[in-house]
mmCIF file of all heavy atoms, coordinates in Angstrom:
data_MODEL
# 
_entry.id   MODEL 
# 
loop_
_atom_site.group_PDB 
_atom_site.id 
_atom_site.type_symbol 
_atom_site.label_atom_id 
_atom_site.label_alt_id 
_atom_site.label_comp_id 
_atom_site.label_asym_id 
_atom_site.label_entity_id 
_atom_site.label_seq_id 
_atom_site.pdbx_PDB_ins_code 
_atom_site.Cartn_x 
_atom_site.Cartn_y 
_atom_site.Cartn_z 
_atom_site.occupancy 
_atom_site.B_iso_or_equiv 
_atom_site.pdbx_formal_charge 
_atom_site.auth_seq_id 
_atom_site.auth_comp_id 
_atom_site.auth_asym_id 
_atom_site.auth_atom_id 
_atom_site.pdbx_PDB_model_num 
ATOM 1   N N   . SER A 1 1  ? -52.282 6.127   -60.772 1.00 0.00 ? 1  SER A N   1 
ATOM 2   C CA  . SER A 1 1  ? -51.541 7.068   -59.939 1.00 0.00 ? 1  SER A CA  1 
ATOM 3   C C   . SER A 1 1  ? -51.013 6.335   -58.710 1.00 0.00 ? 1  SER A C   1 
ATOM 4   O O   . SER A 1 1  ? -51.386 5.172   -58.437 1.00 0.00 ? 1  SER A O   1 
ATOM 5   C CB  . SER A 1 1  ? -52.448 8.219   -59.508 1.00 0.00 ? 1  SER A CB  1 
ATOM 6   O OG  . SER A 1 1  ? -53.509 7.743   -58.686 1.00 0.00 ? 1  SER A OG  1 
ATOM 7   N N   . TYR A 1 2  ? -50.172 7.032   -57.933 1.00 0.00 ? 2  TYR A N   1 
ATOM 8   C CA  . TYR A 1 2  ? -49.594 6.379   -56.748 1.00 0.00 ? 2  TYR A CA  1 
ATOM 9   C C   . TYR A 1 2  ? -50.671 5.974   -55.736 1.00 0.00 ? 2  TYR A C   1 
ATOM 10  O O   . TYR A 1 2  ? -50.643 4.844   -55.244 1.00 0.00 ? 2  TYR A O   1 
ATOM 11  C CB  . TYR A 1 2  ? -48.556 7.285   -56.097 1.00 0.00 ? 2  TYR A CB  1 
ATOM 12  C CG  . TYR A 1 2  ? -47.772 6.609   -54.981 1.00 0.00 ? 2  TYR A CG  1 
ATOM 13  C CD1 . TYR A 1 2  ? -46.916 5.549   -55.258 1.00 0.00 ? 2  TYR A CD1 1 
ATOM 14  C CD2 . TYR A 1 2  ? -47.902 7.030   -53.670 1.00 0.00 ? 2  TYR A CD2 1 
ATOM 15  C CE1 . TYR A 1 2  ? -46.202 4.921   -54.253 1.00 0.00 ? 2  TYR A CE1 1 
ATOM 16  C CE2 . TYR A 1 2  ? -47.189 6.414   -52.650 1.00 0.00 ? 2  TYR A CE2 1 
ATOM 17  C CZ  . TYR A 1 2  ? -46.346 5.358   -52.943 1.00 0.00 ? 2  TYR A CZ  1 
ATOM 18  O OH  . TYR A 1 2  ? -45.651 4.730   -51.936 1.00 0.00 ? 2  TYR A OH  1 
ATOM 19  N N   . PRO A 1 3  ? -51.652 6.833   -55.415 1.00 0.00 ? 3  PRO A N   1 
ATOM 20  C CA  . PRO A 1 3  ? -52.721 6.397   -54.509 1.00 0.00 ? 3  PRO A CA  1 
ATOM 21  C C   . PRO A 1 3  ? -53.519 5.215   -55.069 1.00 0.00 ? 3  PRO A C   1 
ATOM 22  O O   . PRO A 1 3  ? -53.885 4.293   -54.342 1.00 0.00 ? 3  PRO A O   1 
ATOM 23  C CB  . PRO A 1 3  ? -53.599 7.652   -54.367 1.00 0.00 ? 3  PRO A CB  1 
ATOM 24  C CG  . PRO A 1 3  ? -52.685 8.781   -54.641 1.00 0.00 ? 3  PRO A CG  1 
ATOM 25  C CD  . PRO A 1 3  ? -51.752 8.281   -55.701 1.00 0.00 ? 3  PRO A CD  1 
ATOM 26  N N   . GLN A 1 4  ? -53.797 5.230   -56.376 1.00 0.00 ? 4  GLN A N   1 
ATOM 27  C CA  . GLN A 1 4  ? -54.516 4.111   -56.999 1.00 0.00 ? 4  GLN A CA  1 
ATOM 28  C C   . GLN A 1 4  ? -53.682 2.834   -56.962 1.00 0.00 ? 4  GLN A C   1 
ATOM 29  O O   . GLN A 1 4  ? -54.213 1.735   -56.782 1.00 0.00 ? 4  GLN A O   1 
ATOM 30  C CB  . GLN A 1 4  ? -54.874 4.469   -58.442 1.00 0.00 ? 4  GLN A CB  1 
ATOM 31  C CG  . GLN A 1 4  ? -55.932 5.533   -58.575 1.00 0.00 ? 4  GLN A CG  1 
ATOM 32  C CD  . GLN A 1 4  ? -56.157 5.943   -60.022 1.00 0.00 ? 4  GLN A CD  1 
ATOM 33  O OE1 . GLN A 1 4  ? -55.216 5.934   -60.841 1.00 0.00 ? 4  GLN A OE1 1 
ATOM 34  N NE2 . GLN A 1 4  ? -57.391 6.306   -60.359 1.00 0.00 ? 4  GLN A NE2 1 
ATOM 35  N N   . LEU A 1 5  ? -52.396 2.972   -57.127 1.00 0.00 ? 5  LEU A N   1 
ATOM 36  C CA  . LEU A 1 5  ? -51.490 1.828   -57.058 1.00 0.00 ? 5  LEU A CA  1 
ATOM 37  C C   . LEU A 1 5  ? -51.558 1.179   -55.668 1.00 0.00 ? 5  LEU A C   1 
ATOM 38  O O   . LEU A 1 5  ? -51.602 -0.050  -55.552 1.00 0.00 ? 5  LEU A O   1 
ATOM 39  C CB  . LEU A 1 5  ? -50.066 2.290   -57.358 1.00 0.00 ? 5  LEU A CB  1 
ATOM 40  C CG  . LEU A 1 5  ? -48.961 1.228   -57.316 1.00 0.00 ? 5  LEU A CG  1 
ATOM 41  C CD1 . LEU A 1 5  ? -49.147 0.226   -58.437 1.00 0.00 ? 5  LEU A CD1 1 
ATOM 42  C CD2 . LEU A 1 5  ? -47.586 1.886   -57.416 1.00 0.00 ? 5  LEU A CD2 1 
ATOM 43  N N   . ILE A 1 6  ? -51.583 2.008   -54.639 1.00 0.00 ? 6  ILE A N   1 
ATOM 44  C CA  . ILE A 1 6  ? -51.663 1.488   -53.270 1.00 0.00 ? 6  ILE A CA  1 
ATOM 45  C C   . ILE A 1 6  ? -52.979 0.759   -53.049 1.00 0.00 ? 6  ILE A C   1 
ATOM 46  O O   . ILE A 1 6  ? -53.018 -0.358  -52.519 1.00 0.00 ? 6  ILE A O   1 
ATOM 47  C CB  . ILE A 1 6  ? -51.490 2.633   -52.255 1.00 0.00 ? 6  ILE A CB  1 
ATOM 48  C CG1 . ILE A 1 6  ? -50.076 3.202   -52.331 1.00 0.00 ? 6  ILE A CG1 1 
ATOM 49  C CG2 . ILE A 1 6  ? -51.794 2.139   -50.832 1.00 0.00 ? 6  ILE A CG2 1 
ATOM 50  C CD1 . ILE A 1 6  ? -49.877 4.441   -51.481 1.00 0.00 ? 6  ILE A CD1 1 
ATOM 51  N N   . VAL A 1 7  ? -54.083 1.393   -53.485 1.00 0.00 ? 7  VAL A N   1 
ATOM 52  C CA  . VAL A 1 7  ? -55.420 0.847   -53.222 1.00 0.00 ? 7  VAL A CA  1 
ATOM 53  C C   . VAL A 1 7  ? -55.696 -0.409  -54.039 1.00 0.00 ? 7  VAL A C   1 
ATOM 54  O O   . VAL A 1 7  ? -56.247 -1.392  -53.523 1.00 0.00 ? 7  VAL A O   1 
ATOM 55  C CB  . VAL A 1 7  ? -56.497 1.922   -53.501 1.00 0.00 ? 7  VAL A CB  1 
ATOM 56  C CG1 . VAL A 1 7  ? -57.893 1.319   -53.419 1.00 0.00 ? 7  VAL A CG1 1 
ATOM 57  C CG2 . VAL A 1 7  ? -56.358 3.065   -52.509 1.00 0.00 ? 7  VAL A CG2 1 
ATOM 58  N N   . HIS A 1 8  ? -55.319 -0.417  -55.297 1.00 0.00 ? 8  HIS A N   1 
ATOM 59  C CA  . HIS A 1 8  ? -55.718 -1.493  -56.209 1.00 0.00 ? 8  HIS A CA  1 
ATOM 60  C C   . HIS A 1 8  ? -54.678 -2.592  -56.386 1.00 0.00 ? 8  HIS A C   1 
ATOM 61  O O   . HIS A 1 8  ? -55.017 -3.683  -56.860 1.00 0.00 ? 8  HIS A O   1 
ATOM 62  C CB  . HIS A 1 8  ? -56.057 -0.904  -57.580 1.00 0.00 ? 8  HIS A CB  1 
ATOM 63  C CG  . HIS A 1 8  ? -57.229 0.025   -57.564 1.00 0.00 ? 8  HIS A CG  1 
ATOM 64  N ND1 . HIS A 1 8  ? -58.521 -0.396  -57.304 1.00 0.00 ? 8  HIS A ND1 1 
ATOM 65  C CD2 . HIS A 1 8  ? -57.300 1.371   -57.753 1.00 0.00 ? 8  HIS A CD2 1 
ATOM 66  C CE1 . HIS A 1 8  ? -59.346 0.637   -57.344 1.00 0.00 ? 8  HIS A CE1 1 
ATOM 67  N NE2 . HIS A 1 8  ? -58.627 1.726   -57.607 1.00 0.00 ? 8  HIS A NE2 1 
ATOM 68  N N   . VAL A 1 9  ? -53.435 -2.340  -56.016 1.00 0.00 ? 9  VAL A N   1 
ATOM 69  C CA  . VAL A 1 9  ? -52.382 -3.344  -56.231 1.00 0.00 ? 9  VAL A CA  1 
ATOM 70  C C   . VAL A 1 9  ? -51.701 -3.740  -54.924 1.00 0.00 ? 9  VAL A C   1 
ATOM 71  O O   . VAL A 1 9  ? -51.674 -4.922  -54.560 1.00 0.00 ? 9  VAL A O   1 
ATOM 72  C CB  . VAL A 1 9  ? -51.331 -2.832  -57.246 1.00 0.00 ? 9  VAL A CB  1 
ATOM 73  C CG1 . VAL A 1 9  ? -50.205 -3.865  -57.404 1.00 0.00 ? 9  VAL A CG1 1 
ATOM 74  C CG2 . VAL A 1 9  ? -51.978 -2.538  -58.583 1.00 0.00 ? 9  VAL A CG2 1 
ATOM 75  N N   . ILE A 1 10 ? -51.153 -2.767  -54.218 1.00 0.00 ? 10 ILE A N   1 
ATOM 76  C CA  . ILE A 1 10 ? -50.328 -3.088  -53.047 1.00 0.00 ? 10 ILE A CA  1 
ATOM 77  C C   . ILE A 1 10 ? -51.151 -3.630  -51.896 1.00 0.00 ? 10 ILE A C   1 
ATOM 78  O O   . ILE A 1 10 ? -50.816 -4.679  -51.322 1.00 0.00 ? 10 ILE A O   1 
ATOM 79  C CB  . ILE A 1 10 ? -49.524 -1.836  -52.615 1.00 0.00 ? 10 ILE A CB  1 
ATOM 80  C CG1 . ILE A 1 10 ? -48.534 -1.452  -53.714 1.00 0.00 ? 10 ILE A CG1 1 
ATOM 81  C CG2 . ILE A 1 10 ? -48.785 -2.108  -51.303 1.00 0.00 ? 10 ILE A CG2 1 
ATOM 82  C CD1 . ILE A 1 10 ? -47.754 -0.191  -53.443 1.00 0.00 ? 10 ILE A CD1 1 
ATOM 83  N N   . LEU A 1 11 ? -52.242 -2.959  -51.542 1.00 0.00 ? 11 LEU A N   1 
ATOM 84  C CA  . LEU A 1 11 ? -53.047 -3.425  -50.409 1.00 0.00 ? 11 LEU A CA  1 
ATOM 85  C C   . LEU A 1 11 ? -53.707 -4.777  -50.672 1.00 0.00 ? 11 LEU A C   1 
ATOM 86  O O   . LEU A 1 11 ? -53.660 -5.657  -49.800 1.00 0.00 ? 11 LEU A O   1 
ATOM 87  C CB  . LEU A 1 11 ? -54.092 -2.367  -50.040 1.00 0.00 ? 11 LEU A CB  1 
ATOM 88  C CG  . LEU A 1 11 ? -53.529 -1.075  -49.425 1.00 0.00 ? 11 LEU A CG  1 
ATOM 89  C CD1 . LEU A 1 11 ? -54.653 -0.136  -49.037 1.00 0.00 ? 11 LEU A CD1 1 
ATOM 90  C CD2 . LEU A 1 11 ? -52.670 -1.383  -48.210 1.00 0.00 ? 11 LEU A CD2 1 
ATOM 91  N N   . PRO A 1 12 ? -54.317 -5.020  -51.848 1.00 0.00 ? 12 PRO A N   1 
ATOM 92  C CA  . PRO A 1 12 ? -54.839 -6.377  -52.099 1.00 0.00 ? 12 PRO A CA  1 
ATOM 93  C C   . PRO A 1 12 ? -53.747 -7.438  -52.093 1.00 0.00 ? 12 PRO A C   1 
ATOM 94  O O   . PRO A 1 12 ? -53.954 -8.556  -51.615 1.00 0.00 ? 12 PRO A O   1 
ATOM 95  C CB  . PRO A 1 12 ? -55.475 -6.246  -53.488 1.00 0.00 ? 12 PRO A CB  1 
ATOM 96  C CG  . PRO A 1 12 ? -55.824 -4.809  -53.614 1.00 0.00 ? 12 PRO A CG  1 
ATOM 97  C CD  . PRO A 1 12 ? -54.726 -4.076  -52.911 1.00 0.00 ? 12 PRO A CD  1 
ATOM 98  N N   . GLY A 1 13 ? -52.568 -7.086  -52.617 1.00 0.00 ? 13 GLY A N   1 
ATOM 99  C CA  . GLY A 1 13 ? -51.471 -8.045  -52.630 1.00 0.00 ? 13 GLY A CA  1 
ATOM 100 C C   . GLY A 1 13 ? -50.952 -8.365  -51.238 1.00 0.00 ? 13 GLY A C   1 
ATOM 101 O O   . GLY A 1 13 ? -50.476 -9.477  -50.974 1.00 0.00 ? 13 GLY A O   1 
ATOM 102 N N   . ALA A 1 14 ? -51.043 -7.380  -50.323 1.00 0.00 ? 14 ALA A N   1 
ATOM 103 C CA  . ALA A 1 14 ? -50.569 -7.585  -48.953 1.00 0.00 ? 14 ALA A CA  1 
ATOM 104 C C   . ALA A 1 14 ? -51.654 -8.127  -48.036 1.00 0.00 ? 14 ALA A C   1 
ATOM 105 O O   . ALA A 1 14 ? -51.374 -8.410  -46.865 1.00 0.00 ? 14 ALA A O   1 
ATOM 106 C CB  . ALA A 1 14 ? -50.042 -6.264  -48.394 1.00 0.00 ? 14 ALA A CB  1 
ATOM 107 N N   . LEU A 1 15 ? -52.887 -8.275  -48.538 1.00 0.00 ? 15 LEU A N   1 
ATOM 108 C CA  . LEU A 1 15 ? -53.991 -8.737  -47.700 1.00 0.00 ? 15 LEU A CA  1 
ATOM 109 C C   . LEU A 1 15 ? -53.745 -10.104 -47.064 1.00 0.00 ? 15 LEU A C   1 
ATOM 110 O O   . LEU A 1 15 ? -54.054 -10.293 -45.873 1.00 0.00 ? 15 LEU A O   1 
ATOM 111 C CB  . LEU A 1 15 ? -55.289 -8.747  -48.514 1.00 0.00 ? 15 LEU A CB  1 
ATOM 112 C CG  . LEU A 1 15 ? -56.560 -9.126  -47.758 1.00 0.00 ? 15 LEU A CG  1 
ATOM 113 C CD1 . LEU A 1 15 ? -56.816 -8.167  -46.608 1.00 0.00 ? 15 LEU A CD1 1 
ATOM 114 C CD2 . LEU A 1 15 ? -57.761 -9.155  -48.715 1.00 0.00 ? 15 LEU A CD2 1 
ATOM 115 N N   . PRO A 1 16 ? -53.200 -11.097 -47.791 1.00 0.00 ? 16 PRO A N   1 
ATOM 116 C CA  . PRO A 1 16 ? -52.923 -12.389 -47.130 1.00 0.00 ? 16 PRO A CA  1 
ATOM 117 C C   . PRO A 1 16 ? -51.994 -12.240 -45.926 1.00 0.00 ? 16 PRO A C   1 
ATOM 118 O O   . PRO A 1 16 ? -52.221 -12.866 -44.887 1.00 0.00 ? 16 PRO A O   1 
ATOM 119 C CB  . PRO A 1 16 ? -52.273 -13.219 -48.246 1.00 0.00 ? 16 PRO A CB  1 
ATOM 120 C CG  . PRO A 1 16 ? -52.791 -12.634 -49.508 1.00 0.00 ? 16 PRO A CG  1 
ATOM 121 C CD  . PRO A 1 16 ? -52.923 -11.172 -49.248 1.00 0.00 ? 16 PRO A CD  1 
ATOM 122 N N   . SER A 1 17 ? -50.962 -11.422 -46.063 1.00 0.00 ? 17 SER A N   1 
ATOM 123 C CA  . SER A 1 17 ? -50.041 -11.200 -44.944 1.00 0.00 ? 17 SER A CA  1 
ATOM 124 C C   . SER A 1 17 ? -50.748 -10.491 -43.793 1.00 0.00 ? 17 SER A C   1 
ATOM 125 O O   . SER A 1 17 ? -50.508 -10.796 -42.615 1.00 0.00 ? 17 SER A O   1 
ATOM 126 C CB  . SER A 1 17 ? -48.841 -10.373 -45.406 1.00 0.00 ? 17 SER A CB  1 
ATOM 127 O OG  . SER A 1 17 ? -48.103 -11.060 -46.379 1.00 0.00 ? 17 SER A OG  1 
ATOM 128 N N   . PHE A 1 18 ? -51.619 -9.548  -44.130 1.00 0.00 ? 18 PHE A N   1 
ATOM 129 C CA  . PHE A 1 18 ? -52.376 -8.833  -43.104 1.00 0.00 ? 18 PHE A CA  1 
ATOM 130 C C   . PHE A 1 18 ? -53.234 -9.800  -42.288 1.00 0.00 ? 18 PHE A C   1 
ATOM 131 O O   . PHE A 1 18 ? -53.287 -9.719  -41.053 1.00 0.00 ? 18 PHE A O   1 
ATOM 132 C CB  . PHE A 1 18 ? -53.255 -7.770  -43.759 1.00 0.00 ? 18 PHE A CB  1 
ATOM 133 C CG  . PHE A 1 18 ? -54.202 -7.094  -42.807 1.00 0.00 ? 18 PHE A CG  1 
ATOM 134 C CD1 . PHE A 1 18 ? -53.781 -6.041  -42.019 1.00 0.00 ? 18 PHE A CD1 1 
ATOM 135 C CD2 . PHE A 1 18 ? -55.521 -7.516  -42.703 1.00 0.00 ? 18 PHE A CD2 1 
ATOM 136 C CE1 . PHE A 1 18 ? -54.652 -5.416  -41.132 1.00 0.00 ? 18 PHE A CE1 1 
ATOM 137 C CE2 . PHE A 1 18 ? -56.401 -6.906  -41.831 1.00 0.00 ? 18 PHE A CE2 1 
ATOM 138 C CZ  . PHE A 1 18 ? -55.966 -5.853  -41.044 1.00 0.00 ? 18 PHE A CZ  1 
ATOM 139 N N   . LEU A 1 19 ? -53.905 -10.724 -42.965 1.00 0.00 ? 19 LEU A N   1 
ATOM 140 C CA  . LEU A 1 19 ? -54.778 -11.674 -42.264 1.00 0.00 ? 19 LEU A CA  1 
ATOM 141 C C   . LEU A 1 19 ? -53.967 -12.656 -41.427 1.00 0.00 ? 19 LEU A C   1 
ATOM 142 O O   . LEU A 1 19 ? -54.398 -13.055 -40.343 1.00 0.00 ? 19 LEU A O   1 
ATOM 143 C CB  . LEU A 1 19 ? -55.653 -12.409 -43.276 1.00 0.00 ? 19 LEU A CB  1 
ATOM 144 C CG  . LEU A 1 19 ? -56.702 -11.531 -43.973 1.00 0.00 ? 19 LEU A CG  1 
ATOM 145 C CD1 . LEU A 1 19 ? -57.393 -12.290 -45.098 1.00 0.00 ? 19 LEU A CD1 1 
ATOM 146 C CD2 . LEU A 1 19 ? -57.734 -11.033 -42.962 1.00 0.00 ? 19 LEU A CD2 1 
ATOM 147 N N   . ILE A 1 20 ? -52.803 -13.048 -41.908 1.00 0.00 ? 20 ILE A N   1 
ATOM 148 C CA  . ILE A 1 20 ? -51.921 -13.896 -41.095 1.00 0.00 ? 20 ILE A CA  1 
ATOM 149 C C   . ILE A 1 20 ? -51.501 -13.144 -39.843 1.00 0.00 ? 20 ILE A C   1 
ATOM 150 O O   . ILE A 1 20 ? -51.486 -13.699 -38.737 1.00 0.00 ? 20 ILE A O   1 
ATOM 151 C CB  . ILE A 1 20 ? -50.692 -14.333 -41.918 1.00 0.00 ? 20 ILE A CB  1 
ATOM 152 C CG1 . ILE A 1 20 ? -51.099 -15.317 -43.007 1.00 0.00 ? 20 ILE A CG1 1 
ATOM 153 C CG2 . ILE A 1 20 ? -49.628 -14.972 -41.009 1.00 0.00 ? 20 ILE A CG2 1 
ATOM 154 C CD1 . ILE A 1 20 ? -49.981 -15.682 -43.954 1.00 0.00 ? 20 ILE A CD1 1 
ATOM 155 N N   . GLY A 1 21 ? -51.154 -11.868 -40.007 1.00 0.00 ? 21 GLY A N   1 
ATOM 156 C CA  . GLY A 1 21 ? -50.794 -11.056 -38.850 1.00 0.00 ? 21 GLY A CA  1 
ATOM 157 C C   . GLY A 1 21 ? -51.940 -10.916 -37.867 1.00 0.00 ? 21 GLY A C   1 
ATOM 158 O O   . GLY A 1 21 ? -51.732 -10.923 -36.648 1.00 0.00 ? 21 GLY A O   1 
ATOM 159 N N   . LEU A 1 22 ? -53.163 -10.799 -38.389 1.00 0.00 ? 22 LEU A N   1 
ATOM 160 C CA  . LEU A 1 22 ? -54.332 -10.697 -37.514 1.00 0.00 ? 22 LEU A CA  1 
ATOM 161 C C   . LEU A 1 22 ? -54.522 -11.975 -36.712 1.00 0.00 ? 22 LEU A C   1 
ATOM 162 O O   . LEU A 1 22 ? -54.808 -11.932 -35.510 1.00 0.00 ? 22 LEU A O   1 
ATOM 163 C CB  . LEU A 1 22 ? -55.567 -10.400 -38.362 1.00 0.00 ? 22 LEU A CB  1 
ATOM 164 C CG  . LEU A 1 22 ? -56.882 -10.212 -37.598 1.00 0.00 ? 22 LEU A CG  1 
ATOM 165 C CD1 . LEU A 1 22 ? -56.763 -9.092  -36.584 1.00 0.00 ? 22 LEU A CD1 1 
ATOM 166 C CD2 . LEU A 1 22 ? -58.020 -9.935  -38.584 1.00 0.00 ? 22 LEU A CD2 1 
ATOM 167 N N   . ARG A 1 23 ? -54.355 -13.125 -37.358 1.00 0.00 ? 23 ARG A N   1 
ATOM 168 C CA  . ARG A 1 23 ? -54.469 -14.406 -36.643 1.00 0.00 ? 23 ARG A CA  1 
ATOM 169 C C   . ARG A 1 23 ? -53.390 -14.524 -35.575 1.00 0.00 ? 23 ARG A C   1 
ATOM 170 O O   . ARG A 1 23 ? -53.649 -14.957 -34.450 1.00 0.00 ? 23 ARG A O   1 
ATOM 171 C CB  . ARG A 1 23 ? -54.356 -15.571 -37.634 1.00 0.00 ? 23 ARG A CB  1 
ATOM 172 C CG  . ARG A 1 23 ? -55.546 -15.727 -38.560 1.00 0.00 ? 23 ARG A CG  1 
ATOM 173 C CD  . ARG A 1 23 ? -55.337 -16.845 -39.556 1.00 0.00 ? 23 ARG A CD  1 
ATOM 174 N NE  . ARG A 1 23 ? -55.231 -18.138 -38.875 1.00 0.00 ? 23 ARG A NE  1 
ATOM 175 C CZ  . ARG A 1 23 ? -54.911 -19.273 -39.490 1.00 0.00 ? 23 ARG A CZ  1 
ATOM 176 N NH1 . ARG A 1 23 ? -54.635 -19.264 -40.785 1.00 0.00 ? 23 ARG A NH1 1 
ATOM 177 N NH2 . ARG A 1 23 ? -54.848 -20.384 -38.814 1.00 0.00 ? 23 ARG A NH2 1 
ATOM 178 N N   . TYR A 1 24 ? -52.187 -14.148 -35.937 1.00 0.00 ? 24 TYR A N   1 
ATOM 179 C CA  . TYR A 1 24 ? -51.075 -14.221 -34.996 1.00 0.00 ? 24 TYR A CA  1 
ATOM 180 C C   . TYR A 1 24 ? -51.304 -13.268 -33.822 1.00 0.00 ? 24 TYR A C   1 
ATOM 181 O O   . TYR A 1 24 ? -51.064 -13.607 -32.657 1.00 0.00 ? 24 TYR A O   1 
ATOM 182 C CB  . TYR A 1 24 ? -49.777 -13.893 -35.728 1.00 0.00 ? 24 TYR A CB  1 
ATOM 183 C CG  . TYR A 1 24 ? -48.522 -14.097 -34.912 1.00 0.00 ? 24 TYR A CG  1 
ATOM 184 C CD1 . TYR A 1 24 ? -48.478 -15.012 -33.861 1.00 0.00 ? 24 TYR A CD1 1 
ATOM 185 C CD2 . TYR A 1 24 ? -47.365 -13.382 -35.203 1.00 0.00 ? 24 TYR A CD2 1 
ATOM 186 C CE1 . TYR A 1 24 ? -47.321 -15.194 -33.123 1.00 0.00 ? 24 TYR A CE1 1 
ATOM 187 C CE2 . TYR A 1 24 ? -46.202 -13.560 -34.467 1.00 0.00 ? 24 TYR A CE2 1 
ATOM 188 C CZ  . TYR A 1 24 ? -46.198 -14.458 -33.422 1.00 0.00 ? 24 TYR A CZ  1 
ATOM 189 O OH  . TYR A 1 24 ? -45.052 -14.636 -32.680 1.00 0.00 ? 24 TYR A OH  1 
# 
């Protein structure tokens, strides 16, 4: 479903960018 897609695909895929943003 769309919520599952966000939790299991989009957020893990965006995690590297999130951590770079946190460092910055």
